[in-house]
N, C-alpha and C. Protein backbone atom coordinates (compact mmCIF):
# COMPACT_ATOMS: atom_id res chain seq x y z
N MET A 1 -7.97 -43.07 -9.98
CA MET A 1 -8.07 -42.09 -9.31
C MET A 1 -7.31 -40.90 -8.48
N ASN A 2 -7.50 -39.59 -9.26
CA ASN A 2 -6.50 -38.80 -8.65
C ASN A 2 -7.47 -37.38 -7.42
N ARG A 3 -6.93 -37.61 -6.59
CA ARG A 3 -7.06 -37.23 -4.83
C ARG A 3 -6.47 -35.74 -4.34
N PHE A 4 -7.20 -34.74 -4.66
CA PHE A 4 -6.00 -33.38 -3.71
C PHE A 4 -6.78 -33.78 -2.40
N THR A 5 -5.21 -33.39 -1.57
CA THR A 5 -4.95 -33.38 -0.47
C THR A 5 -4.92 -31.52 -0.32
N ARG A 6 -4.93 -32.04 1.11
CA ARG A 6 -4.77 -30.02 2.02
C ARG A 6 -3.62 -29.69 1.31
N ARG A 7 -2.55 -30.68 1.55
CA ARG A 7 -1.01 -29.82 1.98
C ARG A 7 -1.11 -29.86 -0.33
N GLY A 8 -1.47 -30.34 -1.36
CA GLY A 8 -1.95 -30.50 -2.64
C GLY A 8 -2.26 -28.92 -3.10
N PHE A 9 -3.49 -29.22 -2.49
CA PHE A 9 -4.49 -27.36 -2.54
C PHE A 9 -3.65 -26.21 -2.07
N THR A 10 -2.67 -26.46 -1.26
CA THR A 10 -2.07 -25.37 -0.53
C THR A 10 -0.46 -25.33 -1.83
N LEU A 11 0.10 -26.18 -2.06
CA LEU A 11 1.37 -26.48 -2.75
C LEU A 11 0.74 -25.67 -4.41
N ALA A 12 -0.49 -25.53 -4.86
CA ALA A 12 -0.69 -25.19 -5.97
C ALA A 12 -1.15 -24.01 -5.71
N GLY A 13 -1.75 -23.18 -4.90
CA GLY A 13 -2.27 -22.24 -4.50
C GLY A 13 -1.31 -21.38 -4.26
N LEU A 14 0.24 -21.54 -3.88
CA LEU A 14 1.32 -21.14 -3.44
C LEU A 14 2.10 -20.98 -4.74
N ALA A 15 1.67 -21.46 -5.30
CA ALA A 15 2.43 -21.84 -6.92
C ALA A 15 2.03 -20.75 -7.65
N ALA A 16 0.03 -20.79 -7.50
CA ALA A 16 -0.10 -19.58 -8.50
C ALA A 16 0.19 -17.81 -7.95
N LEU A 17 0.77 -18.00 -6.58
CA LEU A 17 0.48 -16.76 -5.94
C LEU A 17 1.34 -15.56 -6.82
N PRO A 18 2.80 -15.66 -7.66
CA PRO A 18 3.08 -14.92 -8.36
C PRO A 18 2.04 -13.83 -9.00
N ALA A 19 1.72 -15.36 -9.97
CA ALA A 19 0.67 -14.56 -11.20
C ALA A 19 -0.35 -14.00 -10.51
N LEU A 20 -0.47 -13.96 -9.28
CA LEU A 20 -2.04 -13.83 -9.02
C LEU A 20 -1.40 -12.43 -8.80
N ALA A 21 -0.96 -11.70 -7.98
CA ALA A 21 0.06 -10.29 -7.13
C ALA A 21 -0.06 -9.76 -8.36
N ALA A 22 0.78 -10.25 -9.70
CA ALA A 22 0.61 -9.31 -10.54
C ALA A 22 -0.94 -9.06 -11.94
N CYS A 23 -1.63 -9.75 -11.50
CA CYS A 23 -3.44 -9.51 -12.22
C CYS A 23 -3.04 -8.27 -12.11
N SER A 24 -3.84 -7.50 -13.04
CA SER A 24 -4.17 -5.74 -12.46
C SER A 24 -3.68 -5.04 -12.02
N ASN A 25 -2.35 -5.42 -12.51
CA ASN A 25 -1.65 -4.11 -11.10
C ASN A 25 -0.26 -3.55 -12.23
N ALA A 26 -0.02 -3.99 -13.41
CA ALA A 26 1.20 -3.42 -14.37
C ALA A 26 0.74 -1.80 -15.09
N VAL A 27 1.28 -1.81 -14.54
CA VAL A 27 1.76 0.26 -15.11
C VAL A 27 1.75 0.16 -16.26
N GLY A 28 1.92 0.13 -17.29
CA GLY A 28 1.64 -0.38 -18.65
C GLY A 28 3.36 0.10 -19.41
N SER A 29 3.72 0.56 -20.63
CA SER A 29 4.87 0.79 -21.00
C SER A 29 5.16 2.11 -20.85
N ARG A 30 4.10 3.67 -20.62
CA ARG A 30 4.17 4.59 -20.66
C ARG A 30 4.87 5.14 -19.82
N GLY A 31 5.16 4.73 -18.53
CA GLY A 31 5.60 4.40 -17.39
C GLY A 31 5.80 5.51 -16.40
N GLY A 32 6.64 6.66 -16.05
CA GLY A 32 6.19 7.52 -15.04
C GLY A 32 4.96 8.11 -15.00
N GLU A 33 3.93 8.23 -16.98
CA GLU A 33 3.22 9.12 -17.20
C GLU A 33 1.74 8.02 -16.78
N THR A 34 2.05 7.30 -17.11
CA THR A 34 1.02 6.33 -15.90
C THR A 34 0.78 6.31 -14.90
N LEU A 35 1.81 6.17 -14.39
CA LEU A 35 1.85 5.99 -13.19
C LEU A 35 1.01 7.79 -12.19
N ASP A 36 2.06 8.42 -13.06
CA ASP A 36 1.50 9.76 -11.99
C ASP A 36 -0.16 10.17 -12.55
N ALA A 37 -0.47 9.50 -13.35
CA ALA A 37 -2.47 9.85 -13.95
C ALA A 37 -2.68 9.14 -13.03
N ARG A 38 -2.04 7.70 -12.23
CA ARG A 38 -3.43 6.76 -11.23
C ARG A 38 -3.04 7.89 -9.52
N VAL A 39 -1.97 7.84 -9.91
CA VAL A 39 -1.34 9.01 -8.25
C VAL A 39 -2.40 10.38 -8.49
N ASP A 40 -2.54 10.80 -9.22
CA ASP A 40 -3.44 11.97 -9.08
C ASP A 40 -4.57 11.33 -9.13
N ALA A 41 -5.20 10.65 -9.78
CA ALA A 41 -6.75 10.20 -9.62
C ALA A 41 -6.83 9.83 -8.36
N THR A 42 -5.76 9.23 -7.40
CA THR A 42 -5.55 8.62 -6.13
C THR A 42 -6.18 9.20 -5.01
N ILE A 43 -4.96 10.41 -5.35
CA ILE A 43 -5.11 11.91 -4.69
C ILE A 43 -6.54 12.25 -4.71
N GLU A 44 -7.14 13.18 -5.67
CA GLU A 44 -8.45 13.57 -5.92
C GLU A 44 -10.04 12.40 -5.06
N HIS A 45 -9.44 11.08 -5.44
CA HIS A 45 -10.25 9.93 -4.58
C HIS A 45 -10.48 10.18 -3.08
N MET A 46 -9.13 10.35 -2.80
CA MET A 46 -8.97 10.35 -1.32
C MET A 46 -9.36 11.71 -0.57
N TYR A 47 -9.83 12.92 -1.16
CA TYR A 47 -9.07 14.04 -0.98
C TYR A 47 -10.83 14.23 -0.51
N ARG A 48 -11.90 13.37 -2.05
CA ARG A 48 -13.22 13.34 -1.90
C ARG A 48 -13.97 12.72 -1.02
N THR A 49 -13.36 11.35 -0.88
CA THR A 49 -14.07 10.40 -0.01
C THR A 49 -13.76 10.69 1.55
N ILE A 50 -12.47 10.81 1.27
CA ILE A 50 -12.16 11.50 2.66
C ILE A 50 -11.39 12.77 2.94
N PRO A 51 -12.65 13.35 3.06
CA PRO A 51 -12.04 14.93 3.38
C PRO A 51 -10.81 15.37 4.01
N SER A 52 -10.71 15.01 5.47
CA SER A 52 -9.57 15.35 6.34
C SER A 52 -8.47 15.31 6.12
N SER A 53 -8.81 14.25 4.98
CA SER A 53 -7.03 13.56 4.48
C SER A 53 -6.45 14.80 4.03
N ARG A 54 -7.12 16.17 3.72
CA ARG A 54 -5.78 17.40 3.01
C ARG A 54 -5.66 17.80 3.86
N GLU A 55 -6.18 17.65 5.14
CA GLU A 55 -5.56 18.65 6.37
C GLU A 55 -3.81 17.36 6.86
N LEU A 56 -4.20 16.31 6.54
CA LEU A 56 -2.71 15.93 6.74
C LEU A 56 -2.03 15.93 5.76
N ALA A 57 -2.30 15.92 4.31
CA ALA A 57 -1.16 16.73 3.50
C ALA A 57 -0.80 17.92 3.60
N ASP A 58 -1.95 18.54 3.94
CA ASP A 58 -1.44 20.20 4.35
C ASP A 58 0.04 20.27 5.49
N LYS A 59 -0.27 18.76 6.23
CA LYS A 59 1.18 19.18 7.43
C LYS A 59 1.71 18.48 7.03
N SER A 60 1.67 17.36 6.02
CA SER A 60 2.96 16.48 5.90
C SER A 60 4.23 17.23 4.65
N MET A 61 5.10 16.78 4.83
CA MET A 61 6.93 16.94 4.90
C MET A 61 6.76 16.67 3.42
N GLY A 62 5.57 15.16 3.02
CA GLY A 62 5.44 14.58 1.87
C GLY A 62 4.36 13.43 1.77
N MET A 63 4.54 12.53 0.62
CA MET A 63 3.00 11.73 0.61
C MET A 63 4.01 10.55 -0.14
N LEU A 64 3.65 9.69 0.69
CA LEU A 64 4.23 7.91 -0.67
C LEU A 64 2.59 8.23 -0.94
N VAL A 65 2.52 7.29 -2.35
CA VAL A 65 0.98 7.61 -2.98
C VAL A 65 1.05 5.71 -4.03
N MET A 66 0.56 5.20 -2.71
CA MET A 66 0.36 3.92 -4.23
C MET A 66 -1.07 3.53 -4.29
N PRO A 67 -1.49 3.70 -5.48
CA PRO A 67 -3.07 3.52 -6.44
C PRO A 67 -3.08 2.69 -5.65
N LEU A 68 -2.44 0.96 -5.80
CA LEU A 68 -3.41 -0.14 -6.62
C LEU A 68 -2.20 -0.57 -5.73
N GLN A 69 -2.51 -1.85 -4.61
CA GLN A 69 -1.88 -2.80 -4.03
C GLN A 69 -3.03 -3.84 -4.64
N THR A 70 -2.17 -4.95 -4.88
CA THR A 70 -3.08 -6.46 -5.05
C THR A 70 -2.06 -6.86 -4.37
N GLU A 71 -3.26 -7.94 -3.54
CA GLU A 71 -2.81 -9.20 -2.39
C GLU A 71 -3.55 -10.02 -2.21
N VAL A 72 -2.53 -11.48 -2.67
CA VAL A 72 -3.21 -12.56 -2.19
C VAL A 72 -2.81 -13.58 -1.13
N GLY A 73 -3.71 -14.28 -0.71
CA GLY A 73 -2.79 -15.49 0.06
C GLY A 73 -4.03 -16.75 0.69
N VAL A 74 -3.16 -17.17 0.34
CA VAL A 74 -3.87 -18.83 1.55
C VAL A 74 -2.29 -19.47 2.00
N ILE A 75 -2.75 -19.22 2.86
CA ILE A 75 -2.06 -19.40 4.57
C ILE A 75 -0.59 -18.39 4.26
N ILE A 76 0.27 -18.79 3.10
CA ILE A 76 0.61 -17.82 3.03
C ILE A 76 0.96 -16.60 1.66
N GLY A 77 1.08 -15.82 1.87
CA GLY A 77 0.62 -14.65 0.60
C GLY A 77 1.59 -13.11 0.37
N GLY A 78 1.48 -12.81 -0.61
CA GLY A 78 1.51 -11.74 -0.63
C GLY A 78 1.22 -10.17 -1.42
N GLY A 79 1.74 -9.72 -2.22
CA GLY A 79 1.37 -8.53 -2.94
C GLY A 79 2.01 -7.42 -3.23
N TYR A 80 2.38 -6.59 -4.25
CA TYR A 80 2.91 -5.67 -4.99
C TYR A 80 1.83 -4.30 -5.55
N GLY A 81 2.45 -3.35 -5.68
CA GLY A 81 1.90 -2.35 -5.73
C GLY A 81 3.30 -0.99 -6.55
N LYS A 82 3.12 -0.03 -6.82
CA LYS A 82 4.10 0.35 -7.28
C LYS A 82 3.23 2.51 -7.41
N GLY A 83 3.52 2.48 -6.97
CA GLY A 83 3.16 4.46 -6.47
C GLY A 83 4.60 5.12 -6.88
N ALA A 84 4.21 6.84 -5.60
CA ALA A 84 5.24 8.11 -6.68
C ALA A 84 5.05 8.68 -5.06
N LEU A 85 6.31 9.45 -4.88
CA LEU A 85 6.76 10.25 -3.47
C LEU A 85 6.09 11.72 -4.20
N ARG A 86 5.28 11.78 -3.50
CA ARG A 86 5.41 13.20 -3.69
C ARG A 86 5.79 14.21 -2.55
N VAL A 87 6.36 15.32 -3.06
CA VAL A 87 6.86 16.58 -1.98
C VAL A 87 6.13 17.94 -3.02
N ASN A 88 5.70 18.22 -1.55
CA ASN A 88 5.18 20.07 -2.42
C ASN A 88 4.41 19.61 -3.71
N GLY A 89 3.96 18.36 -4.16
CA GLY A 89 2.61 18.41 -4.73
C GLY A 89 4.29 17.97 -6.22
N ALA A 90 4.86 17.85 -6.09
CA ALA A 90 5.52 17.50 -7.61
C ALA A 90 6.33 15.95 -7.01
N THR A 91 5.98 14.68 -8.08
CA THR A 91 6.70 13.88 -8.18
C THR A 91 7.90 13.90 -8.24
N ILE A 92 8.33 13.12 -6.95
CA ILE A 92 10.90 13.16 -6.70
C ILE A 92 10.54 12.00 -6.85
N ASP A 93 10.12 10.69 -6.57
CA ASP A 93 10.69 9.13 -6.91
C ASP A 93 9.69 8.35 -7.32
N TYR A 94 9.93 7.64 -7.80
CA TYR A 94 8.80 6.23 -7.96
C TYR A 94 9.52 4.76 -7.03
N TYR A 95 8.53 4.14 -6.65
CA TYR A 95 8.31 3.05 -5.78
C TYR A 95 7.39 1.66 -6.20
N SER A 96 8.33 1.09 -5.05
CA SER A 96 7.70 -0.32 -5.25
C SER A 96 7.29 -0.72 -3.84
N SER A 97 6.26 -1.88 -3.92
CA SER A 97 6.15 -2.28 -2.56
C SER A 97 5.44 -3.63 -2.58
N THR A 98 6.36 -4.43 -1.57
CA THR A 98 6.08 -6.07 -1.64
C THR A 98 6.51 -6.51 -0.80
N HIS A 99 5.24 -7.16 -0.32
CA HIS A 99 5.11 -7.49 1.03
C HIS A 99 4.27 -8.89 1.05
N ALA A 100 5.11 -9.97 1.77
CA ALA A 100 4.81 -11.44 2.72
C ALA A 100 4.22 -11.70 3.62
N ASN A 101 2.83 -11.89 4.08
CA ASN A 101 2.69 -12.33 5.33
C ASN A 101 2.50 -14.01 5.17
N PHE A 102 1.89 -14.17 6.71
CA PHE A 102 1.76 -16.20 6.64
C PHE A 102 1.00 -15.98 8.17
N GLY A 103 -0.19 -16.63 8.14
CA GLY A 103 -0.66 -16.76 8.98
C GLY A 103 -2.21 -17.27 8.00
N LEU A 104 -3.46 -17.41 8.99
CA LEU A 104 -5.28 -17.74 8.49
C LEU A 104 -5.81 -17.11 8.05
N GLN A 105 -5.38 -17.34 6.61
CA GLN A 105 -6.44 -16.73 5.77
C GLN A 105 -6.99 -16.98 4.39
N PHE A 106 -7.50 -16.55 3.38
CA PHE A 106 -7.42 -16.89 2.31
C PHE A 106 -8.14 -15.83 1.52
N GLY A 107 -7.71 -15.49 -0.06
CA GLY A 107 -8.39 -14.95 -0.45
C GLY A 107 -7.22 -13.79 -1.69
N ALA A 108 -8.20 -12.46 -1.79
CA ALA A 108 -6.96 -11.67 -2.60
C ALA A 108 -8.06 -10.42 -2.56
N GLN A 109 -7.47 -9.36 -2.36
CA GLN A 109 -7.89 -8.28 -2.74
C GLN A 109 -7.21 -6.91 -2.86
N GLN A 110 -7.75 -5.82 -3.39
CA GLN A 110 -7.15 -5.03 -4.13
C GLN A 110 -7.72 -3.03 -2.98
N TYR A 111 -6.33 -2.61 -2.60
CA TYR A 111 -6.49 -0.81 -2.09
C TYR A 111 -5.55 -0.08 -3.05
N ALA A 112 -6.03 0.77 -1.83
CA ALA A 112 -4.74 2.00 -2.54
C ALA A 112 -4.01 2.80 -0.87
N HIS A 113 -2.95 3.18 -0.71
CA HIS A 113 -2.62 3.59 0.90
C HIS A 113 -1.80 4.50 0.47
N VAL A 114 -1.95 5.24 1.40
CA VAL A 114 -0.81 6.70 1.37
C VAL A 114 -0.24 6.64 2.82
N LEU A 115 1.01 6.67 2.42
CA LEU A 115 1.36 7.30 3.45
C LEU A 115 2.20 8.23 4.19
N PHE A 116 1.98 9.03 4.84
CA PHE A 116 2.27 10.33 5.43
C PHE A 116 2.85 10.91 5.94
N PHE A 117 3.87 11.58 5.64
CA PHE A 117 5.82 11.77 6.33
C PHE A 117 5.49 12.79 7.03
N MET A 118 5.36 12.73 8.08
CA MET A 118 4.96 14.32 9.15
C MET A 118 5.82 14.94 8.99
N THR A 119 7.33 14.28 9.60
CA THR A 119 8.45 15.00 9.82
C THR A 119 9.19 15.18 8.74
N GLN A 120 10.39 15.94 8.75
CA GLN A 120 11.18 15.53 7.86
C GLN A 120 12.37 14.85 8.11
N ASP A 121 12.29 14.66 9.06
CA ASP A 121 13.68 13.46 9.75
C ASP A 121 12.94 11.96 9.21
N ALA A 122 11.51 11.80 9.00
CA ALA A 122 10.23 10.39 8.28
C ALA A 122 11.07 10.69 7.06
N LEU A 123 11.14 11.55 6.48
CA LEU A 123 10.47 11.76 4.61
C LEU A 123 12.50 11.56 4.42
N ASP A 124 12.74 12.10 5.27
CA ASP A 124 14.52 12.04 4.57
C ASP A 124 15.37 10.76 5.01
N SER A 125 14.62 9.53 6.47
CA SER A 125 14.63 8.50 5.91
C SER A 125 14.19 7.93 5.27
N PHE A 126 12.95 7.63 5.19
CA PHE A 126 12.50 6.86 3.98
C PHE A 126 13.21 7.10 2.31
N ARG A 127 13.86 8.32 1.92
CA ARG A 127 13.98 8.46 0.95
C ARG A 127 15.67 7.93 1.04
N HIS A 128 16.36 7.78 1.93
CA HIS A 128 18.17 8.06 1.80
C HIS A 128 18.34 6.29 1.93
N SER A 129 17.47 5.97 2.55
CA SER A 129 17.35 4.28 3.01
C SER A 129 17.40 2.98 1.06
N ARG A 130 18.35 2.85 1.48
CA ARG A 130 18.50 0.84 0.31
C ARG A 130 17.36 0.54 -0.31
N GLY A 131 16.36 0.22 1.09
CA GLY A 131 15.00 -0.03 0.72
C GLY A 131 14.26 -0.33 2.14
N TRP A 132 13.07 0.32 1.95
CA TRP A 132 12.59 0.72 3.77
C TRP A 132 11.45 -0.13 4.03
N ALA A 133 11.22 -0.36 4.90
CA ALA A 133 10.42 -1.72 5.35
C ALA A 133 9.71 -0.53 6.64
N LEU A 134 8.06 -1.27 6.53
CA LEU A 134 7.21 -0.06 7.63
C LEU A 134 7.83 -0.47 9.16
N GLY A 135 7.79 -0.23 10.05
CA GLY A 135 8.29 0.29 11.49
C GLY A 135 7.17 0.46 12.22
N ALA A 136 7.52 -0.04 13.70
CA ALA A 136 6.43 0.61 14.96
C ALA A 136 6.09 1.91 14.53
N ASP A 137 6.75 2.95 14.44
CA ASP A 137 6.22 4.03 14.08
C ASP A 137 5.37 4.71 13.19
N VAL A 138 5.14 3.71 12.75
CA VAL A 138 3.79 3.85 11.87
C VAL A 138 2.00 4.39 12.18
N GLU A 139 1.83 4.82 12.70
CA GLU A 139 -0.45 5.16 12.54
C GLU A 139 -0.42 5.00 11.40
N TYR A 140 -1.67 3.83 11.29
CA TYR A 140 -2.87 3.26 10.70
C TYR A 140 -3.85 3.90 10.60
N VAL A 141 -4.39 4.02 9.72
CA VAL A 141 -6.11 4.64 9.75
C VAL A 141 -6.66 4.07 9.04
N PHE A 142 -7.84 3.47 8.92
CA PHE A 142 -8.00 2.35 7.52
C PHE A 142 -9.58 3.26 7.48
N ASN A 143 -9.64 3.23 6.42
CA ASN A 143 -11.65 4.38 6.13
C ASN A 143 -12.12 3.58 5.13
N ASP A 144 -12.85 2.78 5.73
CA ASP A 144 -14.17 1.57 5.05
C ASP A 144 -15.22 2.18 5.05
N ALA A 145 -15.24 2.87 5.94
CA ALA A 145 -17.21 3.31 6.42
C ALA A 145 -16.98 5.13 6.07
N GLY A 146 -16.43 5.79 5.16
CA GLY A 146 -16.40 7.13 4.92
C GLY A 146 -15.91 7.35 6.41
N GLU A 147 -16.05 7.65 7.11
CA GLU A 147 -15.40 8.08 8.24
C GLU A 147 -14.40 9.12 8.15
N ASN A 148 -13.87 10.12 9.62
CA ASN A 148 -13.50 10.75 9.11
C ASN A 148 -11.66 10.76 9.79
N LEU A 149 -10.99 11.50 9.64
CA LEU A 149 -9.71 10.62 10.10
C LEU A 149 -9.51 12.28 10.98
N ARG A 150 -9.32 11.53 11.94
CA ARG A 150 -8.51 12.63 13.17
C ARG A 150 -7.04 13.12 13.28
N ALA A 151 -6.61 14.16 12.89
CA ALA A 151 -5.56 14.03 12.08
C ALA A 151 -4.97 15.43 13.95
N GLU A 152 -5.79 15.49 15.14
CA GLU A 152 -5.09 15.90 15.68
C GLU A 152 -5.32 15.07 17.10
N SER A 153 -5.21 13.89 16.95
CA SER A 153 -5.14 12.69 17.84
C SER A 153 -3.89 12.38 18.27
N THR A 154 -3.46 10.97 18.26
CA THR A 154 -2.54 10.72 18.14
C THR A 154 -1.83 9.93 16.79
N THR A 155 -2.46 10.57 15.77
CA THR A 155 -1.79 10.58 14.26
C THR A 155 -0.88 11.97 14.39
N GLY A 156 -1.49 13.23 15.01
CA GLY A 156 -0.10 14.12 15.35
C GLY A 156 0.78 13.76 15.99
N LEU A 157 0.92 12.94 16.46
CA LEU A 157 2.47 12.47 17.41
C LEU A 157 3.38 11.52 16.46
N ALA A 158 2.53 11.00 15.75
CA ALA A 158 2.98 9.92 14.54
C ALA A 158 3.94 10.16 13.46
N PRO A 159 5.31 10.09 13.38
CA PRO A 159 5.44 10.34 12.44
C PRO A 159 6.03 10.07 10.58
N ILE A 160 4.88 8.82 10.92
CA ILE A 160 4.46 8.75 8.84
C ILE A 160 3.18 8.30 9.88
N VAL A 161 2.18 8.47 8.94
CA VAL A 161 0.73 8.10 9.20
C VAL A 161 0.37 7.74 7.33
N ALA A 162 -0.44 6.21 7.75
CA ALA A 162 -0.53 5.63 7.00
C ALA A 162 -1.75 5.19 6.59
N VAL A 163 -2.86 5.48 5.05
CA VAL A 163 -4.25 5.86 5.54
C VAL A 163 -4.49 5.05 4.52
N VAL A 164 -5.53 4.19 4.09
CA VAL A 164 -5.89 3.25 4.01
C VAL A 164 -6.99 3.00 2.95
N PHE A 165 -7.51 2.74 1.92
CA PHE A 165 -8.81 3.43 1.24
C PHE A 165 -9.37 2.49 0.39
N GLY A 166 -10.66 2.46 -0.01
CA GLY A 166 -11.14 1.49 -2.03
C GLY A 166 -10.30 0.35 -1.50
N GLN A 167 -10.86 -0.38 -1.03
CA GLN A 167 -10.82 -1.85 -0.51
C GLN A 167 -11.67 -2.69 -1.04
N ALA A 168 -11.56 -3.75 -2.08
CA ALA A 168 -12.06 -3.93 -3.32
C ALA A 168 -11.63 -5.69 -2.82
N GLY A 169 -12.81 -6.45 -3.25
CA GLY A 169 -11.94 -7.83 -2.76
C GLY A 169 -12.56 -8.49 -1.28
N LEU A 170 -11.85 -9.67 -1.49
CA LEU A 170 -12.07 -10.16 -0.41
C LEU A 170 -11.30 -11.28 0.21
N LYS A 171 -11.10 -11.16 1.48
CA LYS A 171 -9.24 -12.09 1.93
C LYS A 171 -10.08 -12.21 3.96
N ILE A 172 -10.95 -13.26 3.98
CA ILE A 172 -10.70 -13.60 5.17
C ILE A 172 -9.00 -13.95 6.24
N GLY A 173 -9.49 -13.61 7.09
CA GLY A 173 -8.37 -14.04 8.55
C GLY A 173 -7.20 -13.13 8.52
N ALA A 174 -6.23 -13.79 9.85
CA ALA A 174 -5.43 -12.67 10.26
C ALA A 174 -4.28 -12.81 9.91
N SER A 175 -3.39 -11.85 9.70
CA SER A 175 -2.03 -12.48 9.47
C SER A 175 0.04 -11.22 9.96
N LEU A 176 0.27 -11.89 10.06
CA LEU A 176 1.59 -10.72 10.62
C LEU A 176 1.91 -10.30 8.74
N GLU A 177 2.75 -9.36 9.19
CA GLU A 177 2.69 -8.89 7.38
C GLU A 177 4.13 -8.26 7.19
N GLY A 178 4.56 -7.77 6.88
CA GLY A 178 6.08 -6.81 6.59
C GLY A 178 5.90 -6.42 5.56
N VAL A 179 5.72 -4.91 4.97
CA VAL A 179 5.80 -4.27 3.62
C VAL A 179 7.31 -4.00 3.58
N LYS A 180 7.70 -3.97 2.45
CA LYS A 180 9.17 -3.52 1.81
C LYS A 180 9.24 -2.39 0.80
N TYR A 181 9.29 -1.03 1.05
CA TYR A 181 9.28 0.49 -0.41
C TYR A 181 11.13 0.35 -0.97
N ASN A 182 10.30 -0.03 -2.68
CA ASN A 182 11.95 -0.33 -3.06
C ASN A 182 11.39 1.11 -3.91
N ARG A 183 12.91 2.60 -4.12
CA ARG A 183 12.95 2.87 -5.47
C ARG A 183 13.16 2.30 -6.58
N ILE A 184 12.19 2.53 -7.85
CA ILE A 184 12.38 1.94 -9.04
C ILE A 184 12.44 3.24 -9.95
N ILE A 185 12.55 2.25 -11.55
CA ILE A 185 12.78 3.63 -12.18
C ILE A 185 11.17 2.82 -13.02
N PRO A 186 10.37 3.98 -13.46
CA PRO A 186 8.92 2.92 -13.74
C PRO A 186 9.56 2.74 -15.61
């Protein structure tokens, strides 16, 4: 008789993570053109649903727009997404984000996020690194209830502001997470 154990279930879930993380996140063969269209749509959606994000964009030196992040986790999790770095409204580079996490968690979710580089030093550091990981100098702002962002308080002092929005799916639990961004050719 075949009997599943917790260890077997966990190992099966971990084996499926790479395939699940790639689901519904393909950019397609038109590369940059398709990715730029998704970035444009994401920015317009953000401005429509979070009007105060326009003020952040106006104050920023540049923004990294990640239209679709797919994340899956069963104890150990991971995620992937692609996006574009915009400076003065123009795409100057494309990036992927990869992240891994560990903790009490189960489920999958998708969301969009934008990193606003509020200082030239923060933007330069991001652009000239070989692979950039989010650090403690990032101010996170989550918008899941249509609330307004306040760019004049703590976000006005942070070199990088991350806005997360458009969450879909269900992921339960807490985890420790690291995100790494790498320049790509779409």
